[in-house]
Amino acid sequence: MGPDTHRRPDDDASGNTAELTRVMTGIEGLDEILGGGLLRGHVYVVEGDAGTGKTTLALQFLLDGRAHNESCLIVTTNETRDDLTTTAHSHGWSLLGIEVLELSLADAIAQPEQQQTVFRPSQVELHETMRVVHAELERVQPARVVLDSMSTLRDMVDQPFTYRRYVLSLRNTLVTRGCTVLITDELLEPSNLHLRTLVHGVIRLQREVTLYGNQRRQVEIVKMRGMNFRSGRHDMLIETGGLRVFPRFMDEPRHTGYTHESLSTGVEQLDTLLGGGLDRGTSTLLIGTTGTGKSSVAMQCVVAALQRRQNAAVYLFDERPTTWFHRAEQLGFNLPQEVANGNLFVQQINPAEMSPAQFAHELQQAITQRGVQLIIIDSLTGYVNAMPDERFLTLHLHELLTWLGQRGVTPLLVLDHHGLFEPTTRPPLDLSYLTDTVLFFRYFEYQGVVRRALSVVKRRSGPHENTPRELTLGPNGIVVSAPLRQFRGVFTGLPTYEGDAASDQPR
């Protein structure tokens, strides 16, 4: 490489300051949180407890550099070259083309003649180790550097001032060479945070073991100098192939790029009940006790969307897709063929395995990559199990519904009441104020027959019918009756018929 390869990127030939360029980490969601990646020529710390994914993140950072024909160097103090190779192979990666400087205490014991490349708890050995690192930097001339990890260097000195001096010297050397650097380190007590004050940014990885199901991983940007980033914690997953980060939704401009219109449910009487149908870009809550027809009405809306040549996605928390398709078939809906044609996407969600942020990412993918315009979430009880804290769940759903509405997507959310007949039973959470339309389902008994009724109790976008109607399910789909105007107390479960015309009675 030429002598100007590692000139500071923010200095042009005349010494004037230019706009800093970005370096991708190779982790799509993390780059999104960072606003496009890290600043080139800066030094960053990736901190976290053991097993949080620090080394995996660092390797992805180097692999992205290799993919962009950049020279890369990893200085390892805790792991051997074979350990790094094993970690890379577990993700299907090869470290070919990435320089590895191994500073291992185990190697020093096995090969005493190479002790000058090993960290030892003495300032003499620390000085020699730093000399070896500087020599390797001069030889490789790397654009990206990873130091994994800093904890060994910190353990070699007893005086904080000495440690800070060496860290400052190393940082200045790396910055002068124009290297973009990741330094991994363990989470420390506030009294020992010298490294955090010297670097340009801090990325924190966290892991929480839940009472049931998979552990929950999160990433947080603690500090970033000279750049904007998305604050807060974002869910993360480690799987074969590396880290996946699921950024939280962010508020966007309120303007919409779609035309407001009423979408038919495919049932004329139900459209009348809703005041014209579903409004595009608005959310609808279908709430009621189990078995009252909420999922069946959602299926009908899916069928109507497919008939309009709109793609739809159904996310099932409470039943298997095979059961859902069987129930749809009993209503006369042939939906497996729509899945085969790519117009319908049906996925079962396990809330013990998938975090709410990861699920929200799945919704984003369905909309941006599959062109989905109607979404069914059946049911929100699974969401409750995935995020037991109701306060954070409602905030998360608010962000989700806002994002969907801005893109003209119409979500239908199914929510169960506990129990079957208790009219005063509270639902697991109150989302009526978040959604634009609320469709209420109820059992009622008349002349010795248990029947179903539904009514619209809220519609923000316009007027709606205030009278309940009877809902009937059959092999030809769903049937909604005329308004039950001559009945009193339908939603108490025991209505009283007060009309004179027999034609107004439920069938």
Protein backbone atom coordinates (compact mmCIF):
# COMPACT_ATOMS: atom_id res chain seq x y z
CA MET A 1 0.00 0.00 0.00
CA GLY A 2 1.10 3.56 -0.66
CA PRO A 3 2.21 5.95 2.05
CA ASP A 4 -1.12 7.83 1.98
CA THR A 5 -3.30 4.73 2.49
CA HIS A 6 -3.84 5.42 6.18
CA ARG A 7 -3.94 9.19 6.17
CA ARG A 8 -6.71 10.45 8.45
CA PRO A 9 -9.90 10.40 6.30
CA ASP A 10 -11.08 13.72 7.68
CA ASP A 11 -7.99 15.54 6.38
CA ASP A 12 -7.60 16.25 2.68
CA ALA A 13 -4.29 16.95 0.94
CA SER A 14 -4.41 20.62 1.85
CA GLY A 15 -5.06 19.97 5.50
CA ASN A 16 -8.71 21.04 5.36
CA THR A 17 -11.31 19.02 7.20
CA ALA A 18 -13.60 16.90 5.01
CA GLU A 19 -16.75 15.01 5.86
CA LEU A 20 -16.04 11.79 7.73
CA THR A 21 -16.90 8.61 5.86
CA ARG A 22 -18.71 5.61 7.27
CA VAL A 23 -17.53 2.05 7.81
CA MET A 24 -20.18 -0.67 7.81
CA THR A 25 -20.07 -3.23 10.61
CA GLY A 26 -21.50 -5.97 8.40
CA ILE A 27 -24.54 -6.27 10.70
CA GLU A 28 -27.51 -4.70 8.93
CA GLY A 29 -29.61 -3.84 11.97
CA LEU A 30 -26.63 -2.46 13.89
CA ASP A 31 -25.64 -0.24 10.96
CA GLU A 32 -29.21 1.05 10.88
CA ILE A 33 -29.04 1.96 14.58
CA LEU A 34 -25.73 3.71 13.98
CA GLY A 35 -27.17 5.73 11.13
CA GLY A 36 -25.07 4.04 8.45
CA GLY A 37 -22.13 2.54 10.34
CA LEU A 38 -19.12 3.70 12.32
CA LEU A 39 -16.95 6.71 11.50
CA ARG A 40 -13.80 5.72 9.65
CA GLY A 41 -10.54 6.21 11.54
CA HIS A 42 -12.17 6.12 14.99
CA VAL A 43 -11.83 3.77 17.96
CA TYR A 44 -14.81 2.01 19.56
CA VAL A 45 -15.34 -0.30 22.51
CA VAL A 46 -17.68 -3.31 22.37
CA GLU A 47 -18.41 -4.23 25.98
CA GLY A 48 -20.41 -6.99 27.60
CA ASP A 49 -20.25 -10.01 29.85
CA ALA A 50 -18.91 -13.36 28.68
CA GLY A 51 -21.10 -14.96 26.02
CA THR A 52 -22.84 -11.78 24.86
CA GLY A 53 -21.35 -11.95 21.33
CA LYS A 54 -18.44 -9.49 21.44
CA THR A 55 -16.02 -11.66 19.45
CA THR A 56 -18.72 -12.62 16.94
CA LEU A 57 -19.52 -8.95 16.31
CA ALA A 58 -15.82 -8.17 15.92
CA LEU A 59 -15.34 -10.97 13.39
CA GLN A 60 -18.30 -9.76 11.33
CA PHE A 61 -16.75 -6.30 11.33
CA LEU A 62 -13.50 -7.72 9.90
CA LEU A 63 -15.29 -9.93 7.37
CA ASP A 64 -17.13 -6.88 6.03
CA GLY A 65 -13.78 -5.12 5.67
CA ARG A 66 -12.36 -8.08 3.77
CA ALA A 67 -15.40 -8.03 1.48
CA HIS A 68 -14.55 -4.41 0.68
CA ASN A 69 -10.89 -5.27 -0.06
CA GLU A 70 -9.61 -3.66 3.13
CA SER A 71 -6.66 -5.07 5.04
CA CYS A 72 -7.76 -6.41 8.45
CA LEU A 73 -5.94 -7.38 11.64
CA ILE A 74 -7.20 -9.03 14.82
CA VAL A 75 -5.03 -8.99 17.95
CA THR A 76 -6.23 -11.73 20.29
CA THR A 77 -5.17 -11.98 23.92
CA ASN A 78 -7.58 -14.54 25.36
CA GLU A 79 -8.09 -16.97 22.48
CA THR A 80 -5.76 -18.86 20.20
CA ARG A 81 -5.84 -18.77 16.43
CA ASP A 82 -7.51 -22.19 16.49
CA ASP A 83 -10.21 -20.86 18.84
CA LEU A 84 -10.97 -18.02 16.45
CA THR A 85 -11.02 -20.40 13.50
CA THR A 86 -13.45 -22.68 15.32
CA THR A 87 -15.74 -19.75 16.13
CA ALA A 88 -15.64 -18.62 12.50
CA HIS A 89 -16.36 -22.11 11.16
CA SER A 90 -19.39 -22.43 13.47
CA HIS A 91 -20.91 -19.54 11.52
CA GLY A 92 -19.77 -20.79 8.12
CA TRP A 93 -16.97 -18.22 7.83
CA SER A 94 -13.33 -18.41 6.80
CA LEU A 95 -10.63 -16.14 8.25
CA LEU A 96 -8.54 -16.40 5.08
CA GLY A 97 -7.13 -12.98 4.27
CA ILE A 98 -7.46 -11.65 7.85
CA GLU A 99 -4.18 -11.24 9.73
CA VAL A 100 -4.14 -12.71 13.27
CA LEU A 101 -1.67 -11.60 15.95
CA GLU A 102 -1.89 -14.12 18.77
CA LEU A 103 -0.83 -12.87 22.22
CA SER A 104 -1.57 -15.93 24.31
CA LEU A 105 -0.21 -16.84 27.74
CA ALA A 106 -0.64 -20.51 26.90
CA ASP A 107 1.69 -20.18 23.92
CA ALA A 108 4.33 -18.49 26.06
CA ILE A 109 4.37 -21.44 28.45
CA ALA A 110 4.67 -23.91 25.59
CA GLN A 111 7.25 -21.84 23.68
CA PRO A 112 9.39 -19.78 26.10
CA GLU A 113 11.39 -18.26 23.26
CA GLN A 114 8.25 -16.32 22.21
CA GLN A 115 7.46 -14.81 25.60
CA GLN A 116 7.92 -11.31 24.22
CA THR A 117 4.52 -11.70 22.46
CA VAL A 118 2.63 -12.56 25.64
CA PHE A 119 0.92 -10.26 28.13
CA ARG A 120 2.43 -10.76 31.58
CA PRO A 121 1.64 -8.87 34.78
CA SER A 122 4.67 -6.59 34.65
CA GLN A 123 5.31 -3.25 33.05
CA VAL A 124 8.43 -4.63 31.32
CA GLU A 125 6.43 -7.31 29.58
CA LEU A 126 3.62 -4.84 28.82
CA HIS A 127 6.12 -2.52 27.14
CA GLU A 128 7.46 -5.40 25.04
CA THR A 129 3.93 -6.47 24.11
CA MET A 130 3.05 -2.98 22.94
CA ARG A 131 6.22 -2.97 20.83
CA VAL A 132 5.11 -6.19 19.12
CA VAL A 133 1.65 -4.74 18.43
CA HIS A 134 3.16 -1.59 16.91
CA ALA A 135 5.46 -3.71 14.73
CA GLU A 136 2.52 -5.75 13.45
CA LEU A 137 0.59 -2.58 12.65
CA GLU A 138 3.56 -1.34 10.64
CA ARG A 139 3.81 -4.63 8.76
CA VAL A 140 0.12 -5.16 7.95
CA GLN A 141 -0.93 -1.52 7.49
CA PRO A 142 -4.53 -2.46 8.39
CA ALA A 143 -7.63 -0.40 7.64
CA ARG A 144 -9.61 -2.29 10.28
CA VAL A 145 -8.29 -3.55 13.61
CA VAL A 146 -9.85 -5.62 16.37
CA LEU A 147 -8.27 -5.95 19.82
CA ASP A 148 -9.91 -8.89 21.61
CA SER A 149 -9.80 -8.26 24.49
CA MET A 150 -8.61 -5.32 26.60
CA SER A 151 -9.18 -7.04 29.95
CA THR A 152 -5.80 -8.83 29.78
CA LEU A 153 -3.94 -5.56 29.23
CA ARG A 154 -5.78 -3.98 32.15
CA ASP A 155 -4.89 -6.89 34.45
CA MET A 156 -1.15 -6.47 33.74
CA VAL A 157 -0.79 -3.13 35.54
CA ASP A 158 -1.61 -2.12 39.07
CA GLN A 159 -1.64 1.63 38.59
CA PRO A 160 -4.64 3.21 36.75
CA PHE A 161 -2.38 6.01 35.48
CA THR A 162 -0.01 3.54 33.80
CA TYR A 163 -2.90 1.69 32.20
CA ARG A 164 -4.44 4.94 30.95
CA ARG A 165 -1.11 6.06 29.51
CA TYR A 166 -0.67 2.85 27.51
CA VAL A 167 -4.27 2.94 26.28
CA LEU A 168 -3.91 6.56 25.19
CA SER A 169 -0.67 5.75 23.36
CA LEU A 170 -2.26 2.81 21.55
CA ARG A 171 -5.34 4.83 20.62
CA ASN A 172 -3.26 7.69 19.21
CA THR A 173 -1.18 5.26 17.15
CA LEU A 174 -4.27 3.63 15.66
CA VAL A 175 -6.00 6.93 14.94
CA THR A 176 -2.88 8.39 13.34
CA ARG A 177 -2.74 5.42 11.00
CA GLY A 178 -6.37 5.93 10.01
CA CYS A 179 -7.48 2.55 11.41
CA THR A 180 -11.09 1.90 12.32
CA VAL A 181 -10.86 -0.07 15.56
CA LEU A 182 -13.07 -2.26 17.70
CA ILE A 183 -11.82 -3.09 21.21
CA THR A 184 -13.73 -5.74 23.13
CA ASP A 185 -13.90 -5.51 26.89
CA GLU A 186 -15.86 -6.74 29.86
CA LEU A 187 -18.44 -4.67 31.70
CA LEU A 188 -16.69 -2.81 34.50
CA GLU A 189 -17.50 -0.96 37.65
CA PRO A 190 -17.96 2.81 37.23
CA SER A 191 -14.69 3.38 39.10
CA ASN A 192 -12.66 1.64 36.36
CA LEU A 193 -13.88 3.17 33.11
CA HIS A 194 -10.70 4.78 31.78
CA LEU A 195 -11.07 3.16 28.38
CA ARG A 196 -14.60 4.53 27.86
CA THR A 197 -13.45 8.11 28.25
CA LEU A 198 -10.68 7.73 25.67
CA VAL A 199 -12.55 6.10 22.78
CA HIS A 200 -15.02 7.62 20.34
CA GLY A 201 -17.92 5.28 21.06
CA VAL A 202 -19.19 2.44 23.23
CA ILE A 203 -21.46 -0.41 22.09
CA ARG A 204 -22.88 -2.50 24.93
CA LEU A 205 -24.12 -6.08 24.50
CA GLN A 206 -26.40 -7.56 27.14
CA ARG A 207 -27.90 -10.95 27.82
CA GLU A 208 -30.83 -11.78 30.09
CA VAL A 209 -31.94 -15.30 30.94
CA THR A 210 -35.74 -15.37 30.99
CA LEU A 211 -37.75 -17.57 33.34
CA TYR A 212 -38.96 -19.61 30.39
CA GLY A 213 -37.84 -19.88 26.78
CA ASN A 214 -34.72 -18.54 25.10
CA GLN A 215 -32.42 -15.97 26.64
CA ARG A 216 -33.00 -12.40 25.52
CA ARG A 217 -30.11 -10.47 23.98
CA GLN A 218 -29.98 -6.73 23.45
CA VAL A 219 -27.59 -4.10 22.11
CA GLU A 220 -27.35 -0.51 23.31
CA ILE A 221 -25.31 2.40 21.98
CA VAL A 222 -23.96 4.01 25.13
CA LYS A 223 -21.81 6.68 23.54
CA MET A 224 -21.00 7.92 20.02
CA ARG A 225 -19.00 11.07 19.37
CA GLY A 226 -19.79 13.12 16.29
CA MET A 227 -22.74 11.09 15.02
CA ASN A 228 -26.43 10.53 15.66
CA PHE A 229 -27.74 7.11 16.64
CA ARG A 230 -30.89 5.41 17.84
CA SER A 231 -30.84 5.40 21.62
CA GLY A 232 -32.30 2.73 23.87
CA ARG A 233 -32.03 -1.04 23.81
CA HIS A 234 -32.61 -3.07 20.67
CA ASP A 235 -33.21 -6.81 20.57
CA MET A 236 -30.49 -9.00 19.12
CA LEU A 237 -30.08 -12.64 18.13
CA ILE A 238 -26.99 -14.82 17.72
CA GLU A 239 -27.50 -17.58 15.18
CA THR A 240 -25.50 -19.46 12.58
CA GLY A 241 -24.22 -16.73 10.32
CA GLY A 242 -23.63 -14.17 13.06
CA LEU A 243 -25.54 -11.45 14.88
CA ARG A 244 -28.92 -10.10 13.84
CA VAL A 245 -30.11 -6.82 15.35
CA PHE A 246 -33.74 -5.73 15.31
CA PRO A 247 -33.95 -1.93 15.67
CA ARG A 248 -36.89 -0.40 17.45
CA PHE A 249 -39.36 1.53 15.33
CA MET A 250 -38.71 5.25 15.04
CA ASP A 251 -41.16 8.07 14.37
CA GLU A 252 -41.19 9.13 10.73
CA PRO A 253 -42.85 12.00 8.83
CA ARG A 254 -46.60 11.85 9.12
CA HIS A 255 -47.30 12.27 5.40
CA THR A 256 -48.55 9.13 3.67
CA GLY A 257 -48.05 7.96 0.15
CA TYR A 258 -51.36 6.15 -0.27
CA THR A 259 -54.97 7.04 -0.96
CA HIS A 260 -57.46 6.74 1.88
CA GLU A 261 -60.15 4.27 0.92
CA SER A 262 -62.64 1.85 2.41
CA LEU A 263 -61.78 -1.81 1.99
CA SER A 264 -64.66 -4.26 1.75
CA THR A 265 -64.68 -7.28 4.03
CA GLY A 266 -66.48 -9.26 1.34
CA VAL A 267 -69.70 -9.36 3.41
CA GLU A 268 -72.12 -6.55 2.62
CA GLN A 269 -73.86 -6.52 6.00
CA LEU A 270 -70.51 -6.46 7.82
CA ASP A 271 -69.39 -3.53 5.68
CA THR A 272 -72.59 -1.71 6.61
CA LEU A 273 -71.97 -2.44 10.28
CA LEU A 274 -68.47 -0.96 9.95
CA GLY A 275 -69.75 2.17 8.25
CA GLY A 276 -68.44 1.19 4.81
CA GLY A 277 -65.76 -1.40 5.52
CA LEU A 278 -62.22 -1.31 6.85
CA ASP A 279 -60.31 1.92 6.35
CA ARG A 280 -56.95 1.47 4.69
CA GLY A 281 -54.03 2.27 6.98
CA THR A 282 -56.12 1.97 10.16
CA SER A 283 -55.99 -0.75 12.80
CA THR A 284 -58.94 -2.86 13.91
CA LEU A 285 -59.23 -4.71 17.21
CA LEU A 286 -61.41 -7.85 17.22
CA ILE A 287 -62.16 -8.56 20.86
CA GLY A 288 -64.37 -11.13 22.53
CA THR A 289 -64.47 -14.49 24.28
CA THR A 290 -63.06 -17.58 22.62
CA GLY A 291 -65.16 -19.14 19.87
CA THR A 292 -67.23 -16.07 19.09
CA GLY A 293 -65.97 -15.81 15.51
CA LYS A 294 -63.08 -13.34 15.71
CA SER A 295 -60.65 -15.49 13.73
CA SER A 296 -63.34 -16.37 11.19
CA VAL A 297 -64.06 -12.70 10.49
CA ALA A 298 -60.31 -12.13 10.14
CA MET A 299 -60.18 -15.00 7.61
CA GLN A 300 -63.00 -13.36 5.67
CA CYS A 301 -61.01 -10.12 5.52
CA VAL A 302 -58.01 -12.06 4.21
CA VAL A 303 -60.13 -13.61 1.46
CA ALA A 304 -61.50 -10.19 0.49
CA ALA A 305 -57.96 -8.75 0.31
CA LEU A 306 -56.81 -11.61 -1.91
CA GLN A 307 -59.78 -11.04 -4.20
CA ARG A 308 -58.63 -7.41 -4.52
CA ARG A 309 -55.20 -8.77 -5.51
CA GLN A 310 -53.64 -7.53 -2.29
CA ASN A 311 -51.10 -9.68 -0.47
CA ALA A 312 -51.86 -10.66 3.11
CA ALA A 313 -49.90 -12.08 6.06
CA VAL A 314 -51.28 -14.04 9.02
CA TYR A 315 -49.28 -14.52 12.23
CA LEU A 316 -50.62 -17.25 14.51
CA PHE A 317 -49.74 -17.33 18.20
CA ASP A 318 -52.42 -19.72 19.42
CA GLU A 319 -52.78 -22.46 16.80
CA ARG A 320 -50.89 -24.32 14.11
CA PRO A 321 -51.19 -23.28 10.46
CA THR A 322 -52.66 -26.68 9.56
CA THR A 323 -55.52 -26.13 12.03
CA TRP A 324 -56.07 -22.62 10.74
CA PHE A 325 -56.24 -23.82 7.13
CA HIS A 326 -58.66 -26.59 8.13
CA ARG A 327 -61.00 -24.11 9.80
CA ALA A 328 -60.78 -21.88 6.74
CA GLU A 329 -61.74 -24.84 4.55
CA GLN A 330 -64.81 -25.46 6.72
CA LEU A 331 -65.90 -21.93 5.88
CA GLY A 332 -65.41 -22.55 2.17
CA PHE A 333 -62.08 -20.70 1.87
CA ASN A 334 -59.33 -22.34 -0.23
CA LEU A 335 -56.29 -20.57 1.21
CA PRO A 336 -53.41 -23.09 0.79
CA GLN A 337 -53.43 -22.36 -2.94
CA GLU A 338 -52.96 -18.66 -2.23
CA VAL A 339 -49.91 -19.53 -0.12
CA ALA A 340 -48.50 -21.56 -3.01
CA ASN A 341 -49.08 -18.61 -5.34
CA GLY A 342 -47.15 -16.29 -3.01
CA ASN A 343 -50.14 -14.05 -2.28
CA LEU A 344 -50.67 -15.22 1.32
CA PHE A 345 -48.03 -15.69 4.01
CA VAL A 346 -48.94 -17.69 7.14
CA GLN A 347 -46.44 -18.11 9.99
CA GLN A 348 -46.73 -19.63 13.45
CA ILE A 349 -45.04 -17.54 16.17
CA ASN A 350 -43.63 -19.03 19.36
CA PRO A 351 -43.48 -16.17 21.90
CA ALA A 352 -41.01 -18.15 24.03
CA GLU A 353 -38.53 -18.16 21.11
CA MET A 354 -39.17 -14.82 19.36
CA SER A 355 -38.96 -11.43 21.03
CA PRO A 356 -41.50 -8.69 20.19
CA ALA A 357 -38.82 -6.68 18.36
CA GLN A 358 -37.89 -9.70 16.26
CA PHE A 359 -41.56 -10.24 15.44
CA ALA A 360 -41.88 -6.59 14.43
CA HIS A 361 -38.91 -7.12 12.13
CA GLU A 362 -40.75 -10.03 10.51
CA LEU A 363 -43.67 -7.69 9.84
CA GLN A 364 -41.33 -5.15 8.26
CA GLN A 365 -39.87 -7.82 5.98
CA ALA A 366 -43.35 -8.95 4.93
CA ILE A 367 -44.32 -5.40 3.97
CA THR A 368 -41.11 -4.23 2.32
CA GLN A 369 -40.21 -7.50 0.55
CA ARG A 370 -43.53 -9.27 -0.03
CA GLY A 371 -45.75 -6.25 -0.57
CA VAL A 372 -48.20 -7.26 2.17
CA GLN A 373 -51.08 -4.82 2.66
CA LEU A 374 -53.24 -6.68 5.19
CA ILE A 375 -51.90 -8.20 8.41
CA ILE A 376 -53.65 -10.49 10.89
CA ILE A 377 -52.20 -11.02 14.39
CA ASP A 378 -54.08 -13.88 16.03
CA SER A 379 -53.90 -13.39 18.87
CA LEU A 380 -52.38 -10.65 21.01
CA THR A 381 -52.42 -13.03 23.98
CA GLY A 382 -49.16 -14.39 22.56
CA TYR A 383 -47.75 -10.87 22.62
CA VAL A 384 -48.68 -10.62 26.29
CA ASN A 385 -46.74 -13.79 27.01
CA ALA A 386 -43.71 -12.51 25.08
CA MET A 387 -43.65 -9.15 26.89
CA PRO A 388 -45.37 -9.46 30.28
CA ASP A 389 -44.85 -5.80 31.22
CA GLU A 390 -48.06 -4.25 29.86
CA ARG A 391 -46.66 -0.70 29.92
CA PHE A 392 -43.84 -1.57 27.51
CA LEU A 393 -46.11 -3.79 25.40
CA THR A 394 -48.54 -0.95 24.70
CA LEU A 395 -45.65 1.39 23.83
CA HIS A 396 -44.25 -1.23 21.47
CA LEU A 397 -47.62 -1.78 19.81
CA HIS A 398 -48.12 1.98 19.47
CA GLU A 399 -44.83 2.22 17.54
CA LEU A 400 -45.80 -0.78 15.43
CA LEU A 401 -49.28 0.44 14.54
CA THR A 402 -47.99 3.92 13.73
CA TRP A 403 -45.36 2.49 11.39
CA LEU A 404 -47.94 0.27 9.65
CA GLY A 405 -50.41 3.12 9.27
CA GLN A 406 -47.82 5.38 7.67
CA ARG A 407 -47.42 2.79 4.93
CA GLY A 408 -51.09 2.18 4.29
CA VAL A 409 -51.04 -1.31 5.79
CA THR A 410 -54.26 -2.49 7.45
CA PRO A 411 -53.67 -4.58 10.60
CA LEU A 412 -56.36 -6.68 12.33
CA LEU A 413 -55.55 -7.60 15.93
CA VAL A 414 -57.39 -10.45 17.64
CA LEU A 415 -57.69 -10.28 21.44
CA ASP A 416 -59.40 -12.78 23.73
CA HIS A 417 -61.42 -12.18 26.85
CA HIS A 418 -60.82 -14.69 29.62
CA GLY A 419 -63.67 -17.09 30.21
CA LEU A 420 -66.71 -17.74 28.05
CA PHE A 421 -69.79 -15.97 29.38
CA GLU A 422 -68.68 -13.49 32.04
CA PRO A 423 -69.56 -10.09 30.61
CA THR A 424 -67.43 -8.15 33.10
CA THR A 425 -64.19 -10.11 32.66
CA ARG A 426 -61.35 -7.78 31.77
CA PRO A 427 -59.13 -8.59 28.77
CA PRO A 428 -55.42 -9.27 29.44
CA LEU A 429 -54.63 -5.72 28.30
CA ASP A 430 -56.56 -2.69 27.11
CA LEU A 431 -55.68 -1.72 23.54
CA SER A 432 -58.95 -0.06 22.62
CA TYR A 433 -57.38 3.41 22.81
CA LEU A 434 -54.54 2.39 20.46
CA THR A 435 -56.64 0.97 17.65
CA ASP A 436 -58.83 2.94 15.27
CA THR A 437 -61.77 0.52 15.16
CA VAL A 438 -63.02 -1.91 17.79
CA LEU A 439 -65.25 -4.83 16.77
CA PHE A 440 -66.81 -6.54 19.78
CA PHE A 441 -67.95 -10.20 19.77
CA ARG A 442 -70.30 -11.82 22.31
CA TYR A 443 -72.23 -14.99 23.01
CA PHE A 444 -75.94 -14.66 23.74
CA GLU A 445 -78.66 -17.21 24.37
CA TYR A 446 -82.11 -17.02 22.80
CA GLN A 447 -84.82 -19.70 22.75
CA GLY A 448 -82.42 -22.29 24.14
CA VAL A 449 -79.73 -21.73 21.48
CA VAL A 450 -76.31 -20.19 22.06
CA ARG A 451 -75.68 -17.62 19.36
CA ARG A 452 -73.00 -15.10 18.39
CA ALA A 453 -73.35 -11.34 18.14
CA LEU A 454 -70.99 -8.61 17.04
CA SER A 455 -71.05 -4.84 17.11
CA VAL A 456 -68.76 -1.92 16.36
CA VAL A 457 -68.09 0.09 19.51
CA LYS A 458 -65.54 2.50 18.06
CA ARG A 459 -64.49 3.88 14.66
CA ARG A 460 -62.26 6.93 14.51
CA SER A 461 -62.50 7.53 10.79
CA GLY A 462 -66.25 8.05 10.60
CA PRO A 463 -69.74 7.00 11.72
CA HIS A 464 -70.66 3.36 12.24
CA GLU A 465 -73.75 1.35 13.09
CA ASN A 466 -74.55 1.19 16.80
CA THR A 467 -76.86 -1.83 16.71
CA PRO A 468 -75.55 -5.39 17.28
CA ARG A 469 -75.99 -8.05 14.62
CA GLU A 470 -75.99 -11.81 14.77
CA LEU A 471 -73.01 -13.68 13.32
CA THR A 472 -73.45 -17.13 11.79
CA LEU A 473 -70.64 -19.41 10.59
CA GLY A 474 -71.19 -22.07 7.97
CA PRO A 475 -69.71 -23.94 4.97
CA ASN A 476 -70.53 -20.97 2.74
CA GLY A 477 -68.61 -18.50 4.87
CA ILE A 478 -69.90 -16.04 7.44
CA VAL A 479 -73.34 -14.48 7.47
CA VAL A 480 -74.20 -11.26 9.30
CA SER A 481 -77.86 -10.68 10.06
CA ALA A 482 -79.90 -7.51 9.91
CA PRO A 483 -79.58 -5.22 12.95
CA LEU A 484 -81.12 -6.69 16.12
CA ARG A 485 -83.06 -3.50 16.84
CA GLN A 486 -85.98 -5.17 18.59
CA PHE A 487 -83.80 -6.95 21.14
CA ARG A 488 -82.68 -5.51 24.44
CA GLY A 489 -79.71 -6.84 26.38
CA VAL A 490 -77.96 -8.81 23.63
CA PHE A 491 -74.56 -8.15 25.17
CA THR A 492 -75.73 -9.21 28.61
CA GLY A 493 -75.98 -12.74 27.21
CA LEU A 494 -79.72 -13.03 27.94
CA PRO A 495 -81.57 -10.69 25.54
CA THR A 496 -85.25 -9.81 25.67
CA TYR A 497 -87.28 -9.67 22.46
CA GLU A 498 -89.41 -6.51 22.42
CA GLY A 499 -90.50 -6.44 18.78
CA ASP A 500 -93.74 -7.42 17.10
CA ALA A 501 -92.42 -8.73 13.78
CA ALA A 502 -91.20 -12.30 13.85
CA SER A 503 -88.88 -11.51 10.94
CA ASP A 504 -86.70 -9.48 13.24
CA GLN A 505 -85.90 -12.48 15.43
CA PRO A 506 -82.59 -14.29 15.08
CA ARG A 507 -82.68 -17.34 12.87
